Amino acid sequence: MVRGRLWRASNPALTEDERRSLVNELMDARRAVRDARGDDDATKAARNRVNAAKVALGERGPVWWGDGAPDYNRHMAENTPYAGWWKGLSD
């Protein structure tokens, strides 16, 4: 949750070494986005690296869970079936 918005967590089936490696790649890619300012091609390539790392982590792309639950990634919690849970957190 970030400011009332649901965000998908990383795939818990990843090993700690896999997760650490992917998080390191994500951070490197984010720095590359920062460093590419003013160079459209470099910015696009860096953003593609960010996306690839997030997909590999399970934060984007196909869902990593298999119970059929829908993906509410980036939805406001108050507009999902989790609204009661979200409201209960602030009580």
PDB file of N, CA and C in Angstrom:
ATOM      1  N   MET A   1       0.827  -1.177   0.000  1.00  0.00           N
ATOM      2  CA  MET A   1       0.000   0.000   0.000  1.00  0.00           C
ATOM      3  C   MET A   1       0.877   1.248   0.000  1.00  0.00           C
ATOM      4  N   VAL A   2       0.557   2.150  -0.885  1.00  0.00           N
ATOM      5  CA  VAL A   2       1.212   3.455  -0.905  1.00  0.00           C
ATOM      6  C   VAL A   2       0.110   4.485  -1.124  1.00  0.00           C
ATOM      7  N   ARG A   3      -0.091   5.345  -0.129  1.00  0.00           N
ATOM      8  CA  ARG A   3      -1.120   6.393  -0.188  1.00  0.00           C
ATOM      9  C   ARG A   3      -2.476   5.833  -0.647  1.00  0.00           C
ATOM     10  N   GLY A   4      -2.852   4.699  -0.070  1.00  0.00           N
ATOM     11  CA  GLY A   4      -4.155   4.114  -0.354  1.00  0.00           C
ATOM     12  C   GLY A   4      -4.226   3.278  -1.613  1.00  0.00           C
ATOM     13  N   ARG A   5      -3.123   3.148  -2.314  1.00  0.00           N
ATOM     14  CA  ARG A   5      -3.101   2.395  -3.566  1.00  0.00           C
ATOM     15  C   ARG A   5      -2.430   1.045  -3.326  1.00  0.00           C
ATOM     16  N   LEU A   6      -3.035  -0.002  -3.880  1.00  0.00           N
ATOM     17  CA  LEU A   6      -2.459  -1.342  -3.772  1.00  0.00           C
ATOM     18  C   LEU A   6      -1.318  -1.506  -4.774  1.00  0.00           C
ATOM     19  N   TRP A   7      -0.236  -2.093  -4.327  1.00  0.00           N
ATOM     20  CA  TRP A   7       0.895  -2.396  -5.209  1.00  0.00           C
ATOM     21  C   TRP A   7       1.233  -3.866  -5.028  1.00  0.00           C
ATOM     22  N   ARG A   8       1.489  -4.535  -6.116  1.00  0.00           N
ATOM     23  CA  ARG A   8       1.788  -5.959  -6.070  1.00  0.00           C
ATOM     24  C   ARG A   8       3.148  -6.200  -5.431  1.00  0.00           C
ATOM     25  N   ALA A   9       3.195  -7.169  -4.560  1.00  0.00           N
ATOM     26  CA  ALA A   9       4.447  -7.551  -3.903  1.00  0.00           C
ATOM     27  C   ALA A   9       5.267  -8.449  -4.824  1.00  0.00           C
ATOM     28  N   SER A  10       6.531  -8.563  -4.530  1.00  0.00           N
ATOM     29  CA  SER A  10       7.394  -9.473  -5.280  1.00  0.00           C
ATOM     30  C   SER A  10       6.944 -10.909  -5.064  1.00  0.00           C
ATOM     31  N   ASN A  11       7.274 -11.750  -5.998  1.00  0.00           N
ATOM     32  CA  ASN A  11       6.922 -13.155  -5.941  1.00  0.00           C
ATOM     33  C   ASN A  11       7.647 -13.819  -4.763  1.00  0.00           C
ATOM     34  N   PRO A  12       6.916 -14.340  -3.784  1.00  0.00           N
ATOM     35  CA  PRO A  12       7.569 -14.956  -2.632  1.00  0.00           C
ATOM     36  C   PRO A  12       8.248 -16.283  -2.965  1.00  0.00           C
ATOM     37  N   ALA A  13       8.010 -16.825  -4.153  1.00  0.00           N
ATOM     38  CA  ALA A  13       8.657 -18.081  -4.546  1.00  0.00           C
ATOM     39  C   ALA A  13      10.101 -17.863  -4.998  1.00  0.00           C
ATOM     40  N   LEU A  14      10.500 -16.610  -5.204  1.00  0.00           N
ATOM     41  CA  LEU A  14      11.894 -16.344  -5.583  1.00  0.00           C
ATOM     42  C   LEU A  14      12.805 -16.681  -4.408  1.00  0.00           C
ATOM     43  N   THR A  15      13.963 -17.237  -4.717  1.00  0.00           N
ATOM     44  CA  THR A  15      14.931 -17.459  -3.646  1.00  0.00           C
ATOM     45  C   THR A  15      15.478 -16.107  -3.217  1.00  0.00           C
ATOM     46  N   GLU A  16      16.074 -16.075  -2.040  1.00  0.00           N
ATOM     47  CA  GLU A  16      16.641 -14.819  -1.553  1.00  0.00           C
ATOM     48  C   GLU A  16      17.734 -14.321  -2.499  1.00  0.00           C
ATOM     49  N   ASP A  17      18.541 -15.227  -3.041  1.00  0.00           N
ATOM     50  CA  ASP A  17      19.590 -14.823  -3.984  1.00  0.00           C
ATOM     51  C   ASP A  17      18.998 -14.258  -5.270  1.00  0.00           C
ATOM     52  N   GLU A  18      17.936 -14.897  -5.795  1.00  0.00           N
ATOM     53  CA  GLU A  18      17.271 -14.384  -6.997  1.00  0.00           C
ATOM     54  C   GLU A  18      16.692 -12.996  -6.729  1.00  0.00           C
ATOM     55  N   ARG A  19      15.980 -12.876  -5.611  1.00  0.00           N
ATOM     56  CA  ARG A  19      15.357 -11.599  -5.281  1.00  0.00           C
ATOM     57  C   ARG A  19      16.406 -10.508  -5.129  1.00  0.00           C
ATOM     58  N   ARG A  20      17.472 -10.795  -4.414  1.00  0.00           N
ATOM     59  CA  ARG A  20      18.534  -9.799  -4.198  1.00  0.00           C
ATOM     60  C   ARG A  20      19.151  -9.369  -5.528  1.00  0.00           C
ATOM     61  N   SER A  21      19.423 -10.332  -6.391  1.00  0.00           N
ATOM     62  CA  SER A  21      20.005 -10.019  -7.699  1.00  0.00           C
ATOM     63  C   SER A  21      19.062  -9.144  -8.530  1.00  0.00           C
ATOM     64  N   LEU A  22      17.785  -9.483  -8.516  1.00  0.00           N
ATOM     65  CA  LEU A  22      16.808  -8.705  -9.286  1.00  0.00           C
ATOM     66  C   LEU A  22      16.611  -7.311  -8.706  1.00  0.00           C
ATOM     67  N   VAL A  23      16.614  -7.189  -7.395  1.00  0.00           N
ATOM     68  CA  VAL A  23      16.498  -5.864  -6.769  1.00  0.00           C
ATOM     69  C   VAL A  23      17.724  -5.024  -7.114  1.00  0.00           C
ATOM     70  N   ASN A  24      18.908  -5.635  -7.111  1.00  0.00           N
ATOM     71  CA  ASN A  24      20.117  -4.905  -7.508  1.00  0.00           C
ATOM     72  C   ASN A  24      20.017  -4.430  -8.951  1.00  0.00           C
ATOM     73  N   GLU A  25      19.517  -5.289  -9.836  1.00  0.00           N
ATOM     74  CA  GLU A  25      19.332  -4.892 -11.240  1.00  0.00           C
ATOM     75  C   GLU A  25      18.325  -3.751 -11.338  1.00  0.00           C
ATOM     76  N   LEU A  26      17.242  -3.830 -10.570  1.00  0.00           N
ATOM     77  CA  LEU A  26      16.234  -2.772 -10.583  1.00  0.00           C
ATOM     78  C   LEU A  26      16.840  -1.447 -10.142  1.00  0.00           C
ATOM     79  N   MET A  27      17.618  -1.461  -9.086  1.00  0.00           N
ATOM     80  CA  MET A  27      18.240  -0.223  -8.599  1.00  0.00           C
ATOM     81  C   MET A  27      19.243   0.323  -9.618  1.00  0.00           C
ATOM     82  N   ASP A  28      20.027  -0.561 -10.242  1.00  0.00           N
ATOM     83  CA  ASP A  28      20.952  -0.126 -11.288  1.00  0.00           C
ATOM     84  C   ASP A  28      20.193   0.499 -12.458  1.00  0.00           C
ATOM     85  N   ALA A  29      19.081  -0.128 -12.830  1.00  0.00           N
ATOM     86  CA  ALA A  29      18.280   0.380 -13.941  1.00  0.00           C
ATOM     87  C   ALA A  29      17.666   1.735 -13.594  1.00  0.00           C
ATOM     88  N   ARG A  30      17.224   1.902 -12.359  1.00  0.00           N
ATOM     89  CA  ARG A  30      16.665   3.197 -11.953  1.00  0.00           C
ATOM     90  C   ARG A  30      17.733   4.288 -11.981  1.00  0.00           C
ATOM     91  N   ARG A  31      18.946   3.939 -11.570  1.00  0.00           N
ATOM     92  CA  ARG A  31      20.039   4.920 -11.660  1.00  0.00           C
ATOM     93  C   ARG A  31      20.333   5.253 -13.116  1.00  0.00           C
ATOM     94  N   ALA A  32      20.231   4.249 -13.986  1.00  0.00           N
ATOM     95  CA  ALA A  32      20.453   4.490 -15.419  1.00  0.00           C
ATOM     96  C   ALA A  32      19.403   5.436 -15.981  1.00  0.00           C
ATOM     97  N   VAL A  33      18.159   5.321 -15.511  1.00  0.00           N
ATOM     98  CA  VAL A  33      17.107   6.263 -15.935  1.00  0.00           C
ATOM     99  C   VAL A  33      17.500   7.674 -15.513  1.00  0.00           C
ATOM    100  N   ARG A  34      17.927   7.815 -14.274  1.00  0.00           N
ATOM    101  CA  ARG A  34      18.340   9.132 -13.761  1.00  0.00           C
ATOM    102  C   ARG A  34      19.493   9.696 -14.589  1.00  0.00           C
ATOM    103  N   ASP A  35      20.476   8.857 -14.878  1.00  0.00           N
ATOM    104  CA  ASP A  35      21.676   9.312 -15.575  1.00  0.00           C
ATOM    105  C   ASP A  35      21.449   9.566 -17.059  1.00  0.00           C
ATOM    106  N   ALA A  36      20.337   9.058 -17.603  1.00  0.00           N
ATOM    107  CA  ALA A  36      20.071   9.183 -19.038  1.00  0.00           C
ATOM    108  C   ALA A  36      19.296  10.434 -19.398  1.00  0.00           C
ATOM    109  N   ARG A  37      19.038  11.298 -18.448  1.00  0.00           N
ATOM    110  CA  ARG A  37      18.255  12.508 -18.735  1.00  0.00           C
ATOM    111  C   ARG A  37      18.826  13.250 -19.929  1.00  0.00           C
ATOM    112  N   GLY A  38      17.918  13.602 -20.840  1.00  0.00           N
ATOM    113  CA  GLY A  38      18.324  14.341 -22.022  1.00  0.00           C
ATOM    114  C   GLY A  38      18.674  13.457 -23.206  1.00  0.00           C
ATOM    115  N   ASP A  39      18.836  12.163 -22.995  1.00  0.00           N
ATOM    116  CA  ASP A  39      19.147  11.218 -24.070  1.00  0.00           C
ATOM    117  C   ASP A  39      17.963  10.263 -24.190  1.00  0.00           C
ATOM    118  N   ASP A  40      17.106  10.528 -25.178  1.00  0.00           N
ATOM    119  CA  ASP A  40      15.862   9.759 -25.310  1.00  0.00           C
ATOM    120  C   ASP A  40      16.110   8.266 -25.491  1.00  0.00           C
ATOM    121  N   ASP A  41      17.101   7.895 -26.291  1.00  0.00           N
ATOM    122  CA  ASP A  41      17.367   6.474 -26.526  1.00  0.00           C
ATOM    123  C   ASP A  41      17.859   5.786 -25.251  1.00  0.00           C
ATOM    124  N   ALA A  42      18.751   6.434 -24.535  1.00  0.00           N
ATOM    125  CA  ALA A  42      19.263   5.859 -23.285  1.00  0.00           C
ATOM    126  C   ALA A  42      18.165   5.779 -22.240  1.00  0.00           C
ATOM    127  N   THR A  43      17.302   6.786 -22.196  1.00  0.00           N
ATOM    128  CA  THR A  43      16.188   6.772 -21.249  1.00  0.00           C
ATOM    129  C   THR A  43      15.255   5.609 -21.547  1.00  0.00           C
ATOM    130  N   LYS A  44      14.934   5.417 -22.810  1.00  0.00           N
ATOM    131  CA  LYS A  44      14.045   4.316 -23.194  1.00  0.00           C
ATOM    132  C   LYS A  44      14.665   2.973 -22.830  1.00  0.00           C
ATOM    133  N   ALA A  45      15.939   2.807 -23.106  1.00  0.00           N
ATOM    134  CA  ALA A  45      16.621   1.550 -22.781  1.00  0.00           C
ATOM    135  C   ALA A  45      16.633   1.318 -21.270  1.00  0.00           C
ATOM    136  N   ALA A  46      16.889   2.357 -20.501  1.00  0.00           N
ATOM    137  CA  ALA A  46      16.920   2.224 -19.040  1.00  0.00           C
ATOM    138  C   ALA A  46      15.529   1.901 -18.501  1.00  0.00           C
ATOM    139  N   ARG A  47      14.506   2.532 -19.037  1.00  0.00           N
ATOM    140  CA  ARG A  47      13.142   2.240 -18.591  1.00  0.00           C
ATOM    141  C   ARG A  47      12.753   0.807 -18.942  1.00  0.00           C
ATOM    142  N   ASN A  48      13.220   0.321 -20.068  1.00  0.00           N
ATOM    143  CA  ASN A  48      12.968  -1.077 -20.432  1.00  0.00           C
ATOM    144  C   ASN A  48      13.639  -2.017 -19.436  1.00  0.00           C
ATOM    145  N   ARG A  49      14.833  -1.653 -18.960  1.00  0.00           N
ATOM    146  CA  ARG A  49      15.512  -2.453 -17.933  1.00  0.00           C
ATOM    147  C   ARG A  49      14.724  -2.455 -16.634  1.00  0.00           C
ATOM    148  N   VAL A  50      14.195  -1.300 -16.251  1.00  0.00           N
ATOM    149  CA  VAL A  50      13.368  -1.214 -15.043  1.00  0.00           C
ATOM    150  C   VAL A  50      12.171  -2.142 -15.182  1.00  0.00           C
ATOM    151  N   ASN A  51      11.482  -2.069 -16.306  1.00  0.00           N
ATOM    152  CA  ASN A  51      10.304  -2.900 -16.514  1.00  0.00           C
ATOM    153  C   ASN A  51      10.671  -4.379 -16.472  1.00  0.00           C
ATOM    154  N   ALA A  52      11.759  -4.763 -17.133  1.00  0.00           N
ATOM    155  CA  ALA A  52      12.167  -6.172 -17.152  1.00  0.00           C
ATOM    156  C   ALA A  52      12.462  -6.674 -15.738  1.00  0.00           C
ATOM    157  N   ALA A  53      13.111  -5.860 -14.924  1.00  0.00           N
ATOM    158  CA  ALA A  53      13.403  -6.261 -13.548  1.00  0.00           C
ATOM    159  C   ALA A  53      12.118  -6.410 -12.745  1.00  0.00           C
ATOM    160  N   LYS A  54      11.169  -5.486 -12.934  1.00  0.00           N
ATOM    161  CA  LYS A  54       9.911  -5.558 -12.199  1.00  0.00           C
ATOM    162  C   LYS A  54       9.087  -6.778 -12.622  1.00  0.00           C
ATOM    163  N   VAL A  55       9.112  -7.100 -13.908  1.00  0.00           N
ATOM    164  CA  VAL A  55       8.413  -8.304 -14.376  1.00  0.00           C
ATOM    165  C   VAL A  55       9.066  -9.540 -13.769  1.00  0.00           C
ATOM    166  N   ALA A  56      10.394  -9.596 -13.765  1.00  0.00           N
ATOM    167  CA  ALA A  56      11.103 -10.747 -13.204  1.00  0.00           C
ATOM    168  C   ALA A  56      10.835 -10.889 -11.705  1.00  0.00           C
ATOM    169  N   LEU A  57      10.671  -9.782 -11.009  1.00  0.00           N
ATOM    170  CA  LEU A  57      10.347  -9.816  -9.582  1.00  0.00           C
ATOM    171  C   LEU A  57       8.893 -10.221  -9.324  1.00  0.00           C
ATOM    172  N   GLY A  58       8.061 -10.136 -10.358  1.00  0.00           N
ATOM    173  CA  GLY A  58       6.649 -10.456 -10.202  1.00  0.00           C
ATOM    174  C   GLY A  58       5.796  -9.260  -9.861  1.00  0.00           C
ATOM    175  N   GLU A  59       6.384  -8.073  -9.884  1.00  0.00           N
ATOM    176  CA  GLU A  59       5.645  -6.858  -9.544  1.00  0.00           C
ATOM    177  C   GLU A  59       4.822  -6.328 -10.717  1.00  0.00           C
ATOM    178  N   ARG A  60       5.142  -6.779 -11.903  1.00  0.00           N
ATOM    179  CA  ARG A  60       4.394  -6.439 -13.120  1.00  0.00           C
ATOM    180  C   ARG A  60       4.266  -7.709 -13.949  1.00  0.00           C
ATOM    181  N   GLY A  61       3.466  -7.627 -15.001  1.00  0.00           N
ATOM    182  CA  GLY A  61       3.329  -8.769 -15.897  1.00  0.00           C
ATOM    183  C   GLY A  61       2.339  -9.785 -15.362  1.00  0.00           C
ATOM    184  N   PRO A  62       2.485 -11.015 -15.822  1.00  0.00           N
ATOM    185  CA  PRO A  62       1.555 -12.059 -15.387  1.00  0.00           C
ATOM    186  C   PRO A  62       1.593 -12.232 -13.865  1.00  0.00           C
ATOM    187  N   VAL A  63       0.446 -12.550 -13.296  1.00  0.00           N
ATOM    188  CA  VAL A  63       0.395 -12.737 -11.847  1.00  0.00           C
ATOM    189  C   VAL A  63       1.177 -13.985 -11.459  1.00  0.00           C
ATOM    190  N   TRP A  64       1.759 -13.970 -10.275  1.00  0.00           N
ATOM    191  CA  TRP A  64       2.542 -15.103  -9.815  1.00  0.00           C
ATOM    192  C   TRP A  64       1.733 -16.053  -8.936  1.00  0.00           C
ATOM    193  N   TRP A  65       0.530 -15.647  -8.547  1.00  0.00           N
ATOM    194  CA  TRP A  65      -0.296 -16.509  -7.709  1.00  0.00           C
ATOM    195  C   TRP A  65      -1.225 -17.323  -8.592  1.00  0.00           C
ATOM    196  N   GLY A  66      -1.640 -18.464  -8.105  1.00  0.00           N
ATOM    197  CA  GLY A  66      -2.432 -19.373  -8.929  1.00  0.00           C
ATOM    198  C   GLY A  66      -3.821 -19.668  -8.399  1.00  0.00           C
ATOM    199  N   ASP A  67      -4.327 -18.843  -7.478  1.00  0.00           N
ATOM    200  CA  ASP A  67      -5.639 -19.119  -6.898  1.00  0.00           C
ATOM    201  C   ASP A  67      -6.788 -18.464  -7.656  1.00  0.00           C
ATOM    202  N   GLY A  68      -6.470 -17.787  -8.767  1.00  0.00           N
ATOM    203  CA  GLY A  68      -7.509 -17.157  -9.573  1.00  0.00           C
ATOM    204  C   GLY A  68      -7.934 -15.782  -9.101  1.00  0.00           C
ATOM    205  N   ALA A  69      -7.345 -15.297  -8.004  1.00  0.00           N
ATOM    206  CA  ALA A  69      -7.701 -13.962  -7.505  1.00  0.00           C
ATOM    207  C   ALA A  69      -7.281 -12.902  -8.517  1.00  0.00           C
ATOM    208  N   PRO A  70      -8.120 -11.911  -8.734  1.00  0.00           N
ATOM    209  CA  PRO A  70      -7.777 -10.866  -9.702  1.00  0.00           C
ATOM    210  C   PRO A  70      -6.617 -10.001  -9.212  1.00  0.00           C
ATOM    211  N   ASP A  71      -6.003  -9.339 -10.148  1.00  0.00           N
ATOM    212  CA  ASP A  71      -4.881  -8.448  -9.860  1.00  0.00           C
ATOM    213  C   ASP A  71      -5.411  -7.025  -9.704  1.00  0.00           C
ATOM    214  N   TYR A  72      -5.296  -6.486  -8.504  1.00  0.00           N
ATOM    215  CA  TYR A  72      -5.731  -5.115  -8.249  1.00  0.00           C
ATOM    216  C   TYR A  72      -4.547  -4.172  -8.140  1.00  0.00           C
ATOM    217  N   ASN A  73      -3.439  -4.526  -8.759  1.00  0.00           N
ATOM    218  CA  ASN A  73      -2.243  -3.688  -8.735  1.00  0.00           C
ATOM    219  C   ASN A  73      -2.578  -2.283  -9.239  1.00  0.00           C
ATOM    220  N   ARG A  74      -2.135  -1.292  -8.482  1.00  0.00           N
ATOM    221  CA  ARG A  74      -2.305   0.123  -8.776  1.00  0.00           C
ATOM    222  C   ARG A  74      -3.734   0.640  -8.624  1.00  0.00           C
ATOM    223  N   HIS A  75      -4.632  -0.158  -8.081  1.00  0.00           N
ATOM    224  CA  HIS A  75      -5.993   0.297  -7.810  1.00  0.00           C
ATOM    225  C   HIS A  75      -6.044   0.918  -6.418  1.00  0.00           C
ATOM    226  N   MET A  76      -6.905   1.884  -6.255  1.00  0.00           N
ATOM    227  CA  MET A  76      -7.149   2.441  -4.932  1.00  0.00           C
ATOM    228  C   MET A  76      -7.854   1.359  -4.100  1.00  0.00           C
ATOM    229  N   ALA A  77      -7.351   1.096  -2.911  1.00  0.00           N
ATOM    230  CA  ALA A  77      -7.902   0.035  -2.066  1.00  0.00           C
ATOM    231  C   ALA A  77      -9.391   0.228  -1.827  1.00  0.00           C
ATOM    232  N   GLU A  78      -9.818   1.474  -1.667  1.00  0.00           N
ATOM    233  CA  GLU A  78     -11.232   1.756  -1.381  1.00  0.00           C
ATOM    234  C   GLU A  78     -12.160   1.355  -2.524  1.00  0.00           C
ATOM    235  N   ASN A  79     -11.594   1.106  -3.721  1.00  0.00           N
ATOM    236  CA  ASN A  79     -12.400   0.726  -4.885  1.00  0.00           C
ATOM    237  C   ASN A  79     -12.267  -0.757  -5.219  1.00  0.00           C
ATOM    238  N   THR A  80     -11.796  -1.551  -4.261  1.00  0.00           N
ATOM    239  CA  THR A  80     -11.587  -2.982  -4.483  1.00  0.00           C
ATOM    240  C   THR A  80     -12.283  -3.773  -3.379  1.00  0.00           C
ATOM    241  N   PRO A  81     -12.305  -5.081  -3.516  1.00  0.00           N
ATOM    242  CA  PRO A  81     -12.858  -5.906  -2.439  1.00  0.00           C
ATOM    243  C   PRO A  81     -12.068  -5.788  -1.127  1.00  0.00           C
ATOM    244  N   TYR A  82     -10.909  -5.144  -1.152  1.00  0.00           N
ATOM    245  CA  TYR A  82     -10.096  -4.956   0.049  1.00  0.00           C
ATOM    246  C   TYR A  82     -10.454  -3.668   0.803  1.00  0.00           C
ATOM    247  N   ALA A  83     -11.519  -3.003   0.407  1.00  0.00           N
ATOM    248  CA  ALA A  83     -11.890  -1.719   1.009  1.00  0.00           C
ATOM    249  C   ALA A  83     -12.101  -1.838   2.521  1.00  0.00           C
ATOM    250  N   GLY A  84     -12.773  -2.885   2.965  1.00  0.00           N
ATOM    251  CA  GLY A  84     -13.004  -3.065   4.396  1.00  0.00           C
ATOM    252  C   GLY A  84     -11.709  -3.270   5.157  1.00  0.00           C
ATOM    253  N   TRP A  85     -10.818  -4.048   4.582  1.00  0.00           N
ATOM    254  CA  TRP A  85      -9.501  -4.266   5.194  1.00  0.00           C
ATOM    255  C   TRP A  85      -8.748  -2.941   5.306  1.00  0.00           C
ATOM    256  N   TRP A  86      -8.758  -2.169   4.229  1.00  0.00           N
ATOM    257  CA  TRP A  86      -8.055  -0.886   4.210  1.00  0.00           C
ATOM    258  C   TRP A  86      -8.643   0.056   5.260  1.00  0.00           C
ATOM    259  N   LYS A  87      -9.958   0.128   5.331  1.00  0.00           N
ATOM    260  CA  LYS A  87     -10.596   0.999   6.317  1.00  0.00           C
ATOM    261  C   LYS A  87     -10.244   0.549   7.737  1.00  0.00           C
ATOM    262  N   GLY A  88     -10.184  -0.742   7.969  1.00  0.00           N
ATOM    263  CA  GLY A  88      -9.834  -1.266   9.275  1.00  0.00           C
ATOM    264  C   GLY A  88      -8.430  -0.922   9.709  1.00  0.00           C
ATOM    265  N   LEU A  89      -7.524  -0.717   8.766  1.00  0.00           N
ATOM    266  CA  LEU A  89      -6.157  -0.352   9.100  1.00  0.00           C
ATOM    267  C   LEU A  89      -6.071   1.040   9.710  1.00  0.00           C
ATOM    268  N   SER A  90      -6.945   1.934   9.260  1.00  0.00           N
ATOM    269  CA  SER A  90      -6.874   3.315   9.737  1.00  0.00           C
ATOM    270  C   SER A  90      -7.700   3.538  10.994  1.00  0.00           C
ATOM    271  N   ASP A  91      -8.512   2.561  11.369  1.00  0.00           N
ATOM    272  CA  ASP A  91      -9.344   2.707  12.575  1.00  0.00           C
ATOM    273  C   ASP A  91      -8.542   2.552  13.846  1.00  0.00           C
TER     274      ASP A  91
END
